[in-house]
Amino acid sequence: MYSAHSLCFREFDLLDVAVRKEITRGITIMKSIIRDRDKAVTYNVNWNADNQLIGSNAAKLASYIGTLVRMHIPITATRWSNKELGSAKDKIWTEILRSFNIEDTTIRKKYILQLAGKRHRGWRTFLTNKYLKDKENFFVEYDPEYPVKYAIFITEEEWVAFVAQRRDENFKKVSATNRERASNPTYAYKKG
C-alpha cells in the first residue's frame, strides 16, 4: 500500500519523466571549446602505439572535428579526396591546432583529416536517413522539408542540391548495392 508521501514522490517522478521526454537534443557546436580557445586554453590529447586517439580529451576532439566539418565542408561535397576541399581541410586542421596540443606532423594530420572524412560521411548519412527516407528505409517521393534546425550549417541552396544528389538513380543503385553487401558480411561482427 502506498502512503501519501510515496504517492507524492511517485507523481513527481512521472511528471519528471514527461518533462524529460519533451526536451530534445540540440545541435552540437562545442561552445566550451571555443570559449576556452578564446582564453588561450588548450587540451592535451594522447596517442596509443597505433597512432590512435586515447585519453580523456579524445572524445572531445572527435566531437569538435564533427562540428568543424559541419561548419566548413558543404553537404554537397561527394568525395572527401576532392582537391577543392583543400582549403577547408586546412582550416579544420588550423582550428584543431588552436584548441588541442597536437604535434603538427604528417601522421597526426592524416589521422585527424581521415576522422574528419568519416564525420562528413556520417553527417550526410544522418541527413539522408532522417529527412530523405521513410520508416522502411526507402527514399521518400515527396520533397523533404528544409531542416531549419541545421540552418547554421546548411543553406537552402545546398539542401536542394543535396536532395537532388541523393535522388539520382546512380546514387540509389550504389546505396542498394552497399546495403546488400552490408547485410551479408564475410565475417560475423561480434560485439564486445
N, C-alpha and C. Protein backbone atom coordinates (compact mmCIF):
# COMPACT_ATOMS: atom_id res chain seq x y z
N MET A 1 0.84 -1.17 0.00
CA MET A 1 0.00 0.00 0.00
C MET A 1 0.90 1.24 0.00
N TYR A 2 0.53 2.24 -0.80
CA TYR A 2 1.31 3.47 -0.87
C TYR A 2 0.85 4.44 0.19
N SER A 3 1.80 5.13 0.78
CA SER A 3 1.45 6.20 1.70
C SER A 3 1.27 7.48 0.89
N ALA A 4 0.73 8.50 1.51
CA ALA A 4 0.53 9.78 0.84
C ALA A 4 1.87 10.37 0.42
N HIS A 5 2.88 10.15 1.26
CA HIS A 5 4.22 10.66 0.97
C HIS A 5 4.81 9.99 -0.28
N SER A 6 4.70 8.66 -0.36
CA SER A 6 5.27 7.96 -1.51
C SER A 6 4.48 8.26 -2.79
N LEU A 7 3.18 8.48 -2.69
CA LEU A 7 2.39 8.85 -3.86
C LEU A 7 2.82 10.20 -4.41
N CYS A 8 3.12 11.10 -3.50
CA CYS A 8 3.58 12.43 -3.91
C CYS A 8 4.87 12.30 -4.72
N PHE A 9 5.82 11.51 -4.23
CA PHE A 9 7.08 11.34 -4.96
C PHE A 9 6.86 10.59 -6.26
N ARG A 10 5.95 9.62 -6.28
CA ARG A 10 5.66 8.86 -7.49
C ARG A 10 5.08 9.79 -8.56
N GLU A 11 4.17 10.67 -8.17
CA GLU A 11 3.62 11.63 -9.12
C GLU A 11 4.70 12.57 -9.63
N PHE A 12 5.61 12.98 -8.76
CA PHE A 12 6.72 13.85 -9.16
C PHE A 12 7.62 13.13 -10.16
N ASP A 13 7.89 11.84 -9.91
CA ASP A 13 8.72 11.07 -10.84
C ASP A 13 8.06 10.96 -12.21
N LEU A 14 6.76 10.71 -12.26
CA LEU A 14 6.05 10.61 -13.53
C LEU A 14 6.06 11.95 -14.26
N LEU A 15 5.90 13.04 -13.53
CA LEU A 15 5.95 14.37 -14.12
C LEU A 15 7.35 14.64 -14.67
N ASP A 16 8.38 14.24 -13.92
CA ASP A 16 9.76 14.42 -14.34
C ASP A 16 10.04 13.65 -15.63
N VAL A 17 9.53 12.43 -15.75
CA VAL A 17 9.71 11.64 -16.97
C VAL A 17 9.03 12.32 -18.15
N ALA A 18 7.84 12.86 -17.95
CA ALA A 18 7.12 13.55 -19.02
C ALA A 18 7.88 14.78 -19.49
N VAL A 19 8.45 15.51 -18.56
CA VAL A 19 9.21 16.71 -18.91
C VAL A 19 10.47 16.32 -19.68
N ARG A 20 11.16 15.26 -19.24
CA ARG A 20 12.37 14.84 -19.92
C ARG A 20 12.10 14.40 -21.35
N LYS A 21 10.96 13.79 -21.62
CA LYS A 21 10.65 13.35 -22.98
C LYS A 21 10.44 14.52 -23.92
N GLU A 22 9.99 15.65 -23.41
CA GLU A 22 9.74 16.81 -24.26
C GLU A 22 11.03 17.51 -24.66
N ILE A 23 12.07 17.37 -23.88
CA ILE A 23 13.34 18.03 -24.16
C ILE A 23 14.09 17.21 -25.20
N THR A 24 14.46 17.84 -26.31
CA THR A 24 15.20 17.14 -27.34
C THR A 24 16.63 17.68 -27.39
N ARG A 25 17.49 16.89 -27.93
CA ARG A 25 18.90 17.26 -28.01
C ARG A 25 19.07 18.32 -29.09
N GLY A 26 19.80 19.34 -28.78
CA GLY A 26 20.07 20.40 -29.74
C GLY A 26 21.28 20.06 -30.59
N ILE A 27 21.69 21.00 -31.42
CA ILE A 27 22.85 20.78 -32.26
C ILE A 27 24.13 20.94 -31.45
N THR A 28 25.15 20.22 -31.84
CA THR A 28 26.42 20.26 -31.14
C THR A 28 27.33 21.27 -31.82
N ILE A 29 27.71 22.32 -31.08
CA ILE A 29 28.65 23.30 -31.64
C ILE A 29 29.86 23.50 -30.75
N MET A 30 29.91 22.79 -29.63
CA MET A 30 31.09 22.77 -28.76
C MET A 30 31.50 24.17 -28.29
N LYS A 31 30.58 24.90 -27.72
CA LYS A 31 30.84 26.26 -27.25
C LYS A 31 31.95 26.31 -26.21
N SER A 32 32.04 25.28 -25.38
CA SER A 32 33.05 25.30 -24.32
C SER A 32 34.46 25.31 -24.91
N ILE A 33 34.68 24.59 -25.99
CA ILE A 33 36.00 24.58 -26.62
C ILE A 33 36.29 25.94 -27.22
N ILE A 34 35.30 26.56 -27.83
CA ILE A 34 35.50 27.88 -28.44
C ILE A 34 35.80 28.91 -27.35
N ARG A 35 35.07 28.85 -26.23
CA ARG A 35 35.34 29.78 -25.13
C ARG A 35 36.75 29.58 -24.58
N ASP A 36 37.13 28.32 -24.40
CA ASP A 36 38.47 28.04 -23.88
C ASP A 36 39.54 28.48 -24.87
N ARG A 37 39.30 28.29 -26.16
CA ARG A 37 40.26 28.72 -27.17
C ARG A 37 40.47 30.22 -27.10
N ASP A 38 39.37 30.98 -26.90
CA ASP A 38 39.47 32.43 -26.81
C ASP A 38 40.24 32.87 -25.56
N LYS A 39 40.27 32.01 -24.53
CA LYS A 39 41.03 32.28 -23.32
C LYS A 39 42.44 31.70 -23.39
N ALA A 40 42.83 31.17 -24.55
CA ALA A 40 44.14 30.55 -24.79
C ALA A 40 44.33 29.27 -23.99
N VAL A 41 43.24 28.57 -23.68
CA VAL A 41 43.32 27.27 -23.02
C VAL A 41 43.32 26.20 -24.09
N THR A 42 44.26 25.27 -24.00
CA THR A 42 44.32 24.18 -24.96
C THR A 42 44.22 22.85 -24.22
N TYR A 43 43.78 21.83 -24.95
CA TYR A 43 43.59 20.50 -24.39
C TYR A 43 44.71 19.57 -24.87
N ASN A 44 45.17 18.72 -23.97
CA ASN A 44 46.16 17.72 -24.34
C ASN A 44 45.46 16.46 -24.82
N VAL A 45 45.98 15.85 -25.86
CA VAL A 45 45.47 14.56 -26.32
C VAL A 45 46.61 13.57 -26.34
N ASN A 46 46.26 12.32 -26.13
CA ASN A 46 47.26 11.25 -26.11
C ASN A 46 47.00 10.29 -27.25
N TRP A 47 48.06 9.58 -27.62
CA TRP A 47 48.00 8.65 -28.74
C TRP A 47 48.54 7.30 -28.27
N ASN A 48 47.96 6.22 -28.79
CA ASN A 48 48.48 4.91 -28.44
C ASN A 48 49.56 4.50 -29.44
N ALA A 49 50.05 3.28 -29.32
CA ALA A 49 51.15 2.82 -30.19
C ALA A 49 50.71 2.73 -31.65
N ASP A 50 49.41 2.60 -31.90
CA ASP A 50 48.90 2.52 -33.27
C ASP A 50 48.51 3.88 -33.82
N ASN A 51 48.94 4.95 -33.16
CA ASN A 51 48.63 6.33 -33.56
C ASN A 51 47.14 6.61 -33.58
N GLN A 52 46.42 6.11 -32.57
CA GLN A 52 45.01 6.39 -32.41
C GLN A 52 44.81 7.23 -31.16
N LEU A 53 43.79 8.08 -31.21
CA LEU A 53 43.49 8.94 -30.07
C LEU A 53 43.04 8.13 -28.87
N ILE A 54 43.57 8.47 -27.71
CA ILE A 54 43.12 7.87 -26.46
C ILE A 54 43.11 8.95 -25.39
N GLY A 55 42.53 8.65 -24.26
CA GLY A 55 42.56 9.58 -23.15
C GLY A 55 41.27 10.35 -22.99
N SER A 56 41.29 11.21 -21.99
CA SER A 56 40.07 11.92 -21.59
C SER A 56 39.60 12.94 -22.62
N ASN A 57 40.48 13.48 -23.42
CA ASN A 57 40.07 14.51 -24.38
C ASN A 57 39.87 13.95 -25.80
N ALA A 58 39.99 12.64 -25.97
CA ALA A 58 39.84 12.04 -27.30
C ALA A 58 38.42 12.22 -27.82
N ALA A 59 37.43 11.96 -26.99
CA ALA A 59 36.03 12.10 -27.42
C ALA A 59 35.70 13.56 -27.69
N LYS A 60 36.26 14.45 -26.88
CA LYS A 60 36.02 15.89 -27.08
C LYS A 60 36.57 16.34 -28.43
N LEU A 61 37.76 15.86 -28.77
CA LEU A 61 38.35 16.20 -30.06
C LEU A 61 37.53 15.62 -31.20
N ALA A 62 37.08 14.39 -31.08
CA ALA A 62 36.29 13.76 -32.13
C ALA A 62 34.98 14.53 -32.35
N SER A 63 34.34 14.94 -31.28
CA SER A 63 33.10 15.72 -31.42
C SER A 63 33.38 17.09 -32.04
N TYR A 64 34.48 17.70 -31.65
CA TYR A 64 34.83 19.00 -32.20
C TYR A 64 35.13 18.89 -33.69
N ILE A 65 35.76 17.80 -34.10
CA ILE A 65 36.03 17.58 -35.52
C ILE A 65 34.71 17.53 -36.29
N GLY A 66 33.72 16.83 -35.73
CA GLY A 66 32.41 16.77 -36.37
C GLY A 66 31.78 18.14 -36.53
N THR A 67 31.90 18.97 -35.50
CA THR A 67 31.37 20.33 -35.58
C THR A 67 32.07 21.13 -36.66
N LEU A 68 33.40 21.05 -36.71
CA LEU A 68 34.15 21.79 -37.72
C LEU A 68 33.80 21.33 -39.13
N VAL A 69 33.61 20.03 -39.29
CA VAL A 69 33.24 19.51 -40.61
C VAL A 69 31.89 20.08 -41.03
N ARG A 70 30.92 20.09 -40.12
CA ARG A 70 29.60 20.62 -40.47
C ARG A 70 29.68 22.11 -40.80
N MET A 71 30.60 22.83 -40.17
CA MET A 71 30.73 24.27 -40.43
C MET A 71 31.45 24.58 -41.73
N HIS A 72 32.46 23.79 -42.09
CA HIS A 72 33.35 24.17 -43.19
C HIS A 72 33.23 23.34 -44.46
N ILE A 73 32.65 22.16 -44.38
CA ILE A 73 32.54 21.30 -45.57
C ILE A 73 31.07 21.25 -45.98
N PRO A 74 30.76 21.62 -47.21
CA PRO A 74 29.36 21.59 -47.65
C PRO A 74 28.85 20.15 -47.77
N ILE A 75 27.56 19.97 -47.53
CA ILE A 75 26.99 18.63 -47.63
C ILE A 75 26.93 18.14 -49.07
N THR A 76 27.14 19.03 -50.01
CA THR A 76 27.13 18.65 -51.42
C THR A 76 28.46 18.08 -51.88
N ALA A 77 29.49 18.12 -51.04
CA ALA A 77 30.79 17.55 -51.39
C ALA A 77 30.67 16.03 -51.35
N THR A 78 30.81 15.41 -52.50
CA THR A 78 30.60 13.96 -52.58
C THR A 78 31.86 13.15 -52.33
N ARG A 79 33.02 13.70 -52.62
CA ARG A 79 34.29 12.97 -52.45
C ARG A 79 35.18 13.73 -51.48
N TRP A 80 35.60 13.06 -50.43
CA TRP A 80 36.48 13.69 -49.44
C TRP A 80 37.83 14.02 -50.05
N SER A 81 38.23 13.25 -51.06
CA SER A 81 39.54 13.47 -51.68
C SER A 81 39.52 14.59 -52.71
N ASN A 82 38.40 15.26 -52.89
CA ASN A 82 38.26 16.34 -53.85
C ASN A 82 39.26 17.47 -53.54
N LYS A 83 40.00 17.88 -54.54
CA LYS A 83 41.02 18.93 -54.37
C LYS A 83 40.41 20.26 -53.93
N GLU A 84 39.16 20.52 -54.29
CA GLU A 84 38.51 21.78 -53.94
C GLU A 84 38.30 21.91 -52.43
N LEU A 85 38.35 20.81 -51.70
CA LEU A 85 38.16 20.86 -50.25
C LEU A 85 39.47 21.15 -49.51
N GLY A 86 40.55 21.32 -50.23
CA GLY A 86 41.86 21.52 -49.61
C GLY A 86 41.91 22.68 -48.63
N SER A 87 41.37 23.83 -49.01
CA SER A 87 41.42 24.99 -48.12
C SER A 87 40.53 24.78 -46.90
N ALA A 88 39.39 24.12 -47.08
CA ALA A 88 38.51 23.84 -45.94
C ALA A 88 39.17 22.85 -44.98
N LYS A 89 39.84 21.85 -45.52
CA LYS A 89 40.56 20.89 -44.67
C LYS A 89 41.67 21.58 -43.90
N ASP A 90 42.38 22.49 -44.57
CA ASP A 90 43.45 23.24 -43.88
C ASP A 90 42.86 24.09 -42.76
N LYS A 91 41.70 24.67 -42.98
CA LYS A 91 41.06 25.49 -41.96
C LYS A 91 40.66 24.62 -40.76
N ILE A 92 40.13 23.42 -41.03
CA ILE A 92 39.79 22.49 -39.95
C ILE A 92 41.04 22.14 -39.15
N TRP A 93 42.13 21.82 -39.82
CA TRP A 93 43.38 21.46 -39.15
C TRP A 93 43.89 22.63 -38.31
N THR A 94 43.83 23.84 -38.85
CA THR A 94 44.28 25.02 -38.12
C THR A 94 43.43 25.25 -36.87
N GLU A 95 42.12 25.12 -36.99
CA GLU A 95 41.23 25.29 -35.84
C GLU A 95 41.52 24.25 -34.76
N ILE A 96 41.80 23.04 -35.16
CA ILE A 96 42.11 21.98 -34.19
C ILE A 96 43.41 22.30 -33.46
N LEU A 97 44.41 22.76 -34.19
CA LEU A 97 45.69 23.09 -33.57
C LEU A 97 45.56 24.27 -32.60
N ARG A 98 44.58 25.14 -32.82
CA ARG A 98 44.37 26.27 -31.90
C ARG A 98 43.81 25.82 -30.57
N SER A 99 43.10 24.68 -30.55
CA SER A 99 42.43 24.24 -29.33
C SER A 99 43.03 22.99 -28.69
N PHE A 100 43.81 22.23 -29.45
CA PHE A 100 44.36 20.98 -28.93
C PHE A 100 45.87 20.94 -29.16
N ASN A 101 46.56 20.38 -28.18
CA ASN A 101 48.01 20.22 -28.29
C ASN A 101 48.31 18.95 -29.07
N ILE A 102 48.57 19.12 -30.35
CA ILE A 102 48.88 18.01 -31.24
C ILE A 102 50.15 18.38 -32.00
N GLU A 103 51.05 17.40 -32.09
CA GLU A 103 52.25 17.67 -32.88
C GLU A 103 51.82 17.85 -34.33
N ASP A 104 52.34 18.87 -34.96
CA ASP A 104 51.97 19.16 -36.35
C ASP A 104 52.80 18.27 -37.28
N THR A 105 52.47 16.98 -37.29
CA THR A 105 53.18 16.04 -38.13
C THR A 105 52.25 15.50 -39.21
N THR A 106 52.83 14.93 -40.23
CA THR A 106 52.05 14.38 -41.33
C THR A 106 51.15 13.25 -40.86
N ILE A 107 51.65 12.40 -39.96
CA ILE A 107 50.87 11.25 -39.47
C ILE A 107 49.65 11.74 -38.69
N ARG A 108 49.86 12.70 -37.79
CA ARG A 108 48.75 13.21 -36.98
C ARG A 108 47.72 13.92 -37.86
N LYS A 109 48.19 14.72 -38.78
CA LYS A 109 47.28 15.45 -39.66
C LYS A 109 46.47 14.47 -40.52
N LYS A 110 47.13 13.46 -41.04
CA LYS A 110 46.44 12.46 -41.85
C LYS A 110 45.35 11.77 -41.03
N TYR A 111 45.67 11.38 -39.80
CA TYR A 111 44.69 10.72 -38.94
C TYR A 111 43.49 11.62 -38.66
N ILE A 112 43.77 12.87 -38.30
CA ILE A 112 42.69 13.81 -37.98
C ILE A 112 41.81 14.06 -39.20
N LEU A 113 42.41 14.24 -40.37
CA LEU A 113 41.61 14.51 -41.56
C LEU A 113 40.84 13.26 -42.02
N GLN A 114 41.39 12.07 -41.79
CA GLN A 114 40.62 10.86 -42.08
C GLN A 114 39.40 10.77 -41.16
N LEU A 115 39.60 11.12 -39.90
CA LEU A 115 38.49 11.14 -38.94
C LEU A 115 37.46 12.18 -39.38
N ALA A 116 37.93 13.31 -39.88
CA ALA A 116 37.01 14.35 -40.38
C ALA A 116 36.20 13.82 -41.57
N GLY A 117 36.84 13.05 -42.44
CA GLY A 117 36.13 12.45 -43.57
C GLY A 117 35.04 11.50 -43.11
N LYS A 118 35.33 10.71 -42.07
CA LYS A 118 34.31 9.82 -41.51
C LYS A 118 33.15 10.61 -40.92
N ARG A 119 33.47 11.71 -40.25
CA ARG A 119 32.41 12.55 -39.68
C ARG A 119 31.55 13.16 -40.78
N HIS A 120 32.17 13.54 -41.90
CA HIS A 120 31.43 14.11 -43.02
C HIS A 120 30.48 13.07 -43.62
N ARG A 121 30.96 11.86 -43.83
CA ARG A 121 30.10 10.80 -44.36
C ARG A 121 28.96 10.51 -43.39
N GLY A 122 29.28 10.47 -42.11
CA GLY A 122 28.26 10.22 -41.10
C GLY A 122 27.20 11.32 -41.08
N TRP A 123 27.61 12.56 -41.24
CA TRP A 123 26.70 13.71 -41.26
C TRP A 123 25.75 13.61 -42.45
N ARG A 124 26.30 13.28 -43.62
CA ARG A 124 25.47 13.14 -44.82
C ARG A 124 24.51 11.95 -44.69
N THR A 125 24.98 10.86 -44.11
CA THR A 125 24.14 9.69 -43.90
C THR A 125 23.02 10.00 -42.92
N PHE A 126 23.34 10.71 -41.85
CA PHE A 126 22.32 11.11 -40.88
C PHE A 126 21.22 11.93 -41.56
N LEU A 127 21.62 12.93 -42.35
CA LEU A 127 20.63 13.77 -43.03
C LEU A 127 19.77 12.95 -43.99
N THR A 128 20.40 12.02 -44.69
CA THR A 128 19.66 11.18 -45.62
C THR A 128 18.64 10.32 -44.88
N ASN A 129 19.08 9.65 -43.83
CA ASN A 129 18.19 8.75 -43.10
C ASN A 129 17.07 9.49 -42.38
N LYS A 130 17.37 10.67 -41.87
CA LYS A 130 16.37 11.41 -41.10
C LYS A 130 15.35 12.14 -41.99
N TYR A 131 15.81 12.71 -43.09
CA TYR A 131 14.94 13.57 -43.88
C TYR A 131 14.53 13.01 -45.24
N LEU A 132 15.30 12.08 -45.77
CA LEU A 132 15.02 11.62 -47.14
C LEU A 132 14.48 10.19 -47.21
N LYS A 133 14.43 9.49 -46.07
CA LYS A 133 13.95 8.11 -46.08
C LYS A 133 12.77 7.97 -45.13
N ASP A 134 11.92 6.98 -45.44
CA ASP A 134 10.78 6.72 -44.57
C ASP A 134 11.16 5.66 -43.53
N LYS A 135 10.18 5.20 -42.77
CA LYS A 135 10.45 4.24 -41.69
C LYS A 135 10.93 2.89 -42.21
N GLU A 136 10.57 2.56 -43.44
CA GLU A 136 11.01 1.29 -44.03
C GLU A 136 12.36 1.44 -44.74
N ASN A 137 13.00 2.59 -44.59
CA ASN A 137 14.33 2.87 -45.14
C ASN A 137 14.32 3.03 -46.67
N PHE A 138 13.18 3.45 -47.24
CA PHE A 138 13.10 3.74 -48.66
C PHE A 138 13.06 5.25 -48.85
N PHE A 139 13.60 5.70 -49.98
CA PHE A 139 13.59 7.13 -50.26
C PHE A 139 12.16 7.62 -50.45
N VAL A 140 11.86 8.77 -49.87
CA VAL A 140 10.53 9.35 -49.99
C VAL A 140 10.39 10.00 -51.36
N GLU A 141 9.18 10.04 -51.86
CA GLU A 141 8.91 10.62 -53.17
C GLU A 141 8.62 12.12 -53.10
N TYR A 142 8.11 12.56 -51.96
CA TYR A 142 7.78 13.98 -51.82
C TYR A 142 9.04 14.79 -51.51
N ASP A 143 8.93 16.11 -51.68
CA ASP A 143 10.06 16.98 -51.37
C ASP A 143 10.22 17.10 -49.86
N PRO A 144 11.35 16.69 -49.33
CA PRO A 144 11.55 16.78 -47.87
C PRO A 144 11.70 18.23 -47.45
N GLU A 145 11.27 18.50 -46.25
CA GLU A 145 11.35 19.87 -45.74
C GLU A 145 12.81 20.23 -45.42
N TYR A 146 13.11 21.49 -45.57
CA TYR A 146 14.43 22.01 -45.25
C TYR A 146 14.65 21.90 -43.74
N PRO A 147 15.75 21.30 -43.29
CA PRO A 147 15.98 21.14 -41.85
C PRO A 147 16.41 22.46 -41.21
N VAL A 148 15.46 23.23 -40.76
CA VAL A 148 15.70 24.55 -40.19
C VAL A 148 16.63 24.46 -38.97
N LYS A 149 16.54 23.35 -38.26
CA LYS A 149 17.38 23.15 -37.08
C LYS A 149 18.87 23.29 -37.42
N TYR A 150 19.25 22.91 -38.62
CA TYR A 150 20.65 22.93 -39.03
C TYR A 150 20.97 24.08 -39.98
N ALA A 151 20.20 25.14 -39.90
CA ALA A 151 20.37 26.27 -40.82
C ALA A 151 21.74 26.94 -40.68
N ILE A 152 22.38 26.82 -39.53
CA ILE A 152 23.71 27.43 -39.39
C ILE A 152 24.77 26.64 -40.16
N PHE A 153 24.45 25.40 -40.53
CA PHE A 153 25.39 24.56 -41.27
C PHE A 153 25.02 24.41 -42.75
N ILE A 154 23.72 24.47 -43.06
CA ILE A 154 23.23 24.14 -44.41
C ILE A 154 22.39 25.30 -44.95
N THR A 155 22.75 25.79 -46.12
CA THR A 155 21.91 26.79 -46.77
C THR A 155 20.78 26.07 -47.52
N GLU A 156 19.75 26.81 -47.87
CA GLU A 156 18.63 26.20 -48.60
C GLU A 156 19.09 25.71 -49.98
N GLU A 157 20.01 26.44 -50.61
CA GLU A 157 20.52 26.04 -51.93
C GLU A 157 21.30 24.73 -51.81
N GLU A 158 22.12 24.61 -50.76
CA GLU A 158 22.86 23.36 -50.54
C GLU A 158 21.90 22.20 -50.30
N TRP A 159 20.83 22.45 -49.55
CA TRP A 159 19.86 21.40 -49.26
C TRP A 159 19.20 20.90 -50.55
N VAL A 160 18.80 21.81 -51.41
CA VAL A 160 18.16 21.41 -52.67
C VAL A 160 19.14 20.58 -53.51
N ALA A 161 20.39 21.00 -53.59
CA ALA A 161 21.39 20.26 -54.35
C ALA A 161 21.66 18.89 -53.72
N PHE A 162 21.70 18.83 -52.39
CA PHE A 162 21.93 17.57 -51.68
C PHE A 162 20.80 16.59 -51.95
N VAL A 163 19.56 17.07 -51.89
CA VAL A 163 18.41 16.20 -52.16
C VAL A 163 18.48 15.68 -53.59
N ALA A 164 18.85 16.54 -54.53
CA ALA A 164 18.97 16.11 -55.93
C ALA A 164 20.05 15.05 -56.08
N GLN A 165 21.18 15.22 -55.39
CA GLN A 165 22.25 14.21 -55.43
C GLN A 165 21.75 12.87 -54.92
N ARG A 166 21.03 12.89 -53.81
CA ARG A 166 20.56 11.65 -53.20
C ARG A 166 19.43 11.00 -53.98
N ARG A 167 18.74 11.74 -54.79
CA ARG A 167 17.66 11.18 -55.60
C ARG A 167 18.15 10.68 -56.96
N ASP A 168 19.40 10.92 -57.26
CA ASP A 168 19.99 10.47 -58.51
C ASP A 168 19.95 8.94 -58.56
N GLU A 169 19.62 8.39 -59.72
CA GLU A 169 19.50 6.93 -59.87
C GLU A 169 20.82 6.21 -59.62
N ASN A 170 21.94 6.81 -60.01
CA ASN A 170 23.24 6.19 -59.75
C ASN A 170 23.49 6.08 -58.26
N PHE A 171 23.16 7.13 -57.51
CA PHE A 171 23.34 7.09 -56.06
C PHE A 171 22.48 5.99 -55.45
N LYS A 172 21.23 5.90 -55.89
CA LYS A 172 20.32 4.88 -55.34
C LYS A 172 20.82 3.47 -55.65
N LYS A 173 21.41 3.29 -56.83
CA LYS A 173 21.93 1.98 -57.20
C LYS A 173 23.12 1.61 -56.31
N VAL A 174 24.03 2.55 -56.12
CA VAL A 174 25.18 2.30 -55.25
C VAL A 174 24.73 2.07 -53.81
N SER A 175 23.75 2.83 -53.35
CA SER A 175 23.23 2.68 -52.00
C SER A 175 22.62 1.29 -51.80
N ALA A 176 21.84 0.83 -52.78
CA ALA A 176 21.23 -0.50 -52.68
C ALA A 176 22.30 -1.59 -52.69
N THR A 177 23.31 -1.44 -53.53
CA THR A 177 24.41 -2.42 -53.58
C THR A 177 25.13 -2.48 -52.25
N ASN A 178 25.45 -1.33 -51.69
CA ASN A 178 26.16 -1.30 -50.41
C ASN A 178 25.30 -1.84 -49.27
N ARG A 179 23.99 -1.57 -49.30
CA ARG A 179 23.10 -2.10 -48.27
C ARG A 179 23.07 -3.62 -48.33
N GLU A 180 23.01 -4.17 -49.55
CA GLU A 180 23.02 -5.63 -49.73
C GLU A 180 24.34 -6.23 -49.25
N ARG A 181 25.44 -5.58 -49.60
CA ARG A 181 26.75 -6.06 -49.18
C ARG A 181 26.88 -6.04 -47.66
N ALA A 182 26.37 -5.01 -47.03
CA ALA A 182 26.47 -4.90 -45.57
C ALA A 182 25.57 -5.91 -44.86
N SER A 183 24.50 -6.34 -45.52
CA SER A 183 23.60 -7.29 -44.87
C SER A 183 24.15 -8.71 -44.86
N ASN A 184 25.15 -9.01 -45.69
CA ASN A 184 25.77 -10.34 -45.75
C ASN A 184 27.28 -10.23 -45.56
N PRO A 185 27.74 -9.92 -44.36
CA PRO A 185 29.19 -9.75 -44.16
C PRO A 185 29.94 -11.08 -44.28
N THR A 186 31.16 -11.01 -44.72
CA THR A 186 32.01 -12.19 -44.83
C THR A 186 32.30 -12.75 -43.46
N TYR A 187 32.59 -11.87 -42.51
CA TYR A 187 32.87 -12.27 -41.15
C TYR A 187 31.80 -11.70 -40.23
N ALA A 188 31.27 -12.54 -39.38
CA ALA A 188 30.23 -12.07 -38.46
C ALA A 188 30.80 -11.09 -37.47
N TYR A 189 30.10 -9.99 -37.24
CA TYR A 189 30.53 -8.99 -36.27
C TYR A 189 30.20 -9.48 -34.87
N LYS A 190 31.18 -9.43 -34.01
CA LYS A 190 30.97 -9.84 -32.63
C LYS A 190 31.15 -8.61 -31.74
N LYS A 191 30.07 -8.27 -31.07
CA LYS A 191 30.13 -7.10 -30.21
C LYS A 191 31.02 -7.41 -29.01
N GLY A 192 31.68 -6.36 -28.52
CA GLY A 192 32.45 -6.57 -27.32
C GLY A 192 33.79 -5.96 -27.33
